Protein backbone atom coordinates (compact mmCIF):
# COMPACT_ATOMS: atom_id res chain seq x y z
CA MET A 1 98.42 92.45 124.97
CA GLU A 2 96.60 89.35 124.01
CA PRO A 3 95.71 88.92 120.30
CA ASN A 4 91.94 88.97 120.97
CA LYS A 5 92.27 92.08 123.12
CA LYS A 6 94.20 93.80 120.39
CA LYS A 7 91.45 92.95 117.91
CA ASP A 8 88.72 94.21 120.45
CA VAL A 9 90.65 97.53 121.03
CA ALA A 10 91.03 97.99 117.30
CA LEU A 11 87.39 97.29 116.58
CA LEU A 12 86.28 99.68 119.30
CA PHE A 13 88.52 102.48 117.87
CA LEU A 14 87.38 101.82 114.36
CA ALA A 15 83.74 102.04 115.54
CA GLU A 16 84.53 105.27 117.36
CA ILE A 17 86.20 107.07 114.43
CA SER A 18 83.39 105.92 112.05
CA ARG A 19 81.00 107.84 114.26
CA MET A 20 83.21 110.90 114.64
CA LYS A 21 82.24 114.13 112.99
CA PRO A 22 84.73 114.98 110.20
CA GLU A 23 85.90 118.11 112.08
CA ARG A 24 86.69 116.08 115.23
CA LEU A 25 88.52 113.45 113.20
CA GLN A 26 90.59 116.12 111.51
CA ASP A 27 91.44 117.69 114.85
CA VAL A 28 92.57 114.30 116.24
CA ILE A 29 94.69 113.71 113.13
CA ARG A 30 96.28 117.08 113.43
CA SER A 31 97.04 116.81 117.13
CA VAL A 32 98.09 113.08 117.20
CA VAL A 33 99.66 112.44 113.75
CA GLY A 34 100.57 115.96 112.76
CA GLU A 35 100.14 117.53 109.31
CA GLU A 36 103.61 116.57 107.97
CA LEU A 37 103.32 112.83 108.82
CA ALA A 38 99.70 112.72 107.64
CA SER A 39 100.81 114.24 104.31
CA ALA A 40 103.60 111.64 103.95
CA MET A 41 101.23 108.86 104.72
CA PHE A 42 98.70 110.15 102.26
CA ASN A 43 101.38 110.36 99.59
CA TYR A 44 102.55 106.83 100.32
CA ALA A 45 98.96 105.51 100.22
CA ARG A 46 98.43 107.22 96.90
CA GLN A 47 101.58 105.57 95.49
CA VAL A 48 100.46 102.13 96.72
CA ILE A 49 96.95 102.47 95.31
CA GLU A 50 98.22 103.80 91.96
CA ALA A 51 100.59 100.84 91.68
CA ASP A 52 97.59 98.48 91.48
CA ALA A 53 94.23 100.16 91.71
CA ASN A 54 92.54 96.77 91.31
CA LYS A 55 93.54 95.82 94.80
CA VAL A 56 91.86 98.67 96.75
CA VAL A 57 90.74 96.49 99.67
CA GLU A 58 94.12 94.92 100.06
CA ASN A 59 95.82 98.15 99.81
CA ALA A 60 93.53 99.74 102.42
CA ALA A 61 94.13 96.84 104.71
CA SER A 62 97.94 97.21 104.20
CA MET A 63 97.68 100.83 105.04
CA ILE A 64 95.88 100.14 108.31
CA ILE A 65 98.41 97.43 109.16
CA LEU A 66 101.29 99.75 108.26
CA GLY A 67 99.86 102.48 110.53
CA TYR A 68 99.75 99.93 113.41
CA LEU A 69 103.30 98.87 112.75
CA ILE A 70 104.44 102.51 112.77
CA ARG A 71 102.78 102.97 116.13
CA ALA A 72 104.31 99.77 117.47
CA TYR A 73 107.83 100.93 116.31
CA GLU A 74 107.32 104.35 117.84
CA THR A 75 106.65 102.69 121.20
CA GLY A 76 109.57 100.23 120.90
CA ALA A 77 107.26 97.30 120.61
CA ILE A 78 109.13 95.87 117.56
CA PRO A 79 112.18 94.09 118.74
CA SER A 80 115.41 94.37 116.74
CA GLU A 81 116.43 91.49 114.56
CA ASN A 82 119.07 90.53 117.11
CA THR A 83 116.37 90.06 119.93
CA THR A 84 114.68 86.72 120.40
CA VAL A 85 110.88 87.19 120.39
């Protein structure tokens, strides 16, 4: 996927979830992420934010990027170190 296309898709998704009713968002999280993984991610986010609460924006951005990387890893989109990109 082209870099601009990735950005466009991400912005569309972020706009969509910002308009979602909280109940719908919770249903999506439960069905797509699962309660166990969501809990692990919330705990990790808490640890990162508590480590330096003055960097809330940077920490939030890092969490979003980390979520994207986890998804890419799940789909095999992250090549191993031995693979030429």
